[in-house]
Protein backbone atom coordinates (compact mmCIF):
# COMPACT_ATOMS: atom_id res chain seq x y z
CA MET A 1 -24.76 -2.15 -10.30
CA GLU A 2 -25.38 -1.91 -13.83
CA CYS A 3 -27.39 1.40 -14.64
CA ILE A 4 -30.52 0.52 -16.81
CA LYS A 5 -30.80 2.70 -19.62
CA THR A 6 -33.99 4.40 -20.48
CA LYS A 7 -35.07 4.12 -24.41
CA ILE A 8 -35.72 6.98 -26.70
CA ALA A 9 -37.05 7.20 -30.05
CA ILE A 10 -36.90 10.24 -31.99
CA VAL A 11 -39.22 10.01 -35.11
CA THR A 12 -39.01 11.99 -38.27
CA GLY A 13 -40.57 12.10 -41.61
CA SER A 14 -37.13 12.47 -43.35
CA LEU A 15 -33.41 12.64 -42.96
CA ALA A 16 -33.27 15.52 -45.76
CA THR A 17 -31.11 18.29 -45.14
CA GLY A 18 -33.09 21.09 -43.28
CA GLY A 19 -34.02 22.59 -39.74
CA ALA A 20 -35.67 20.35 -37.87
CA GLU A 21 -33.68 17.41 -39.38
CA ALA A 22 -30.26 19.18 -38.03
CA MET A 23 -32.03 19.92 -34.88
CA ILE A 24 -33.02 16.23 -34.59
CA ALA A 25 -29.42 15.29 -35.35
CA GLN A 26 -28.14 17.50 -32.53
CA LEU A 27 -30.40 15.95 -30.01
CA ALA A 28 -29.65 12.73 -30.48
CA VAL A 29 -25.78 12.84 -30.44
CA ASN A 30 -25.77 15.24 -27.24
CA ILE A 31 -28.42 12.90 -25.29
CA ASP A 32 -26.14 11.45 -22.57
CA SER A 33 -25.32 7.81 -23.79
CA SER A 34 -24.35 6.27 -20.54
CA ARG A 35 -27.87 6.88 -19.31
CA TYR A 36 -30.11 6.65 -22.83
CA ASP A 37 -30.50 4.41 -25.51
CA VAL A 38 -31.27 6.75 -28.50
CA LYS A 39 -32.78 5.35 -31.90
CA VAL A 40 -34.23 7.68 -34.88
CA ILE A 41 -36.96 6.42 -36.62
CA CYS A 42 -37.25 8.00 -40.15
CA ILE A 43 -40.51 7.26 -41.49
CA SER A 44 -39.12 7.69 -45.43
CA ILE A 45 -36.28 6.19 -47.45
CA SER A 46 -32.57 6.63 -46.83
CA VAL A 47 -30.99 9.77 -48.83
CA THR A 48 -27.71 9.59 -47.75
CA SER A 49 -27.88 13.00 -46.41
CA PRO A 50 -25.07 14.74 -44.60
CA ILE A 51 -27.61 14.74 -41.61
CA GLU A 52 -27.73 10.66 -41.73
CA LYS A 53 -24.16 10.59 -42.30
CA SER A 54 -23.31 12.19 -38.58
CA LEU A 55 -25.64 10.64 -37.38
CA VAL A 56 -24.59 7.32 -38.10
CA GLU A 57 -20.75 8.34 -37.65
CA ASN A 58 -22.03 9.41 -33.69
CA GLY A 59 -23.20 6.03 -33.38
CA ILE A 60 -26.84 6.80 -33.35
CA ASN A 61 -29.07 3.71 -34.63
CA VAL A 62 -30.78 4.92 -37.47
CA ILE A 63 -33.75 2.68 -38.77
CA PHE A 64 -35.97 3.22 -41.82
């Protein structure tokens, strides 16, 4: 039987380097991907920060 994943959206103002942004990245990457479909929604433009790069490299869908 296929498991239906719960969808989680984490909304942030930016993904520039900072403490809150780093916490968001850690949370998104470490949530059990077999049970949850995680997306990070950023209300600012892409700045190609290390945090954004980490999210993408770990398969997290980032929407701007």
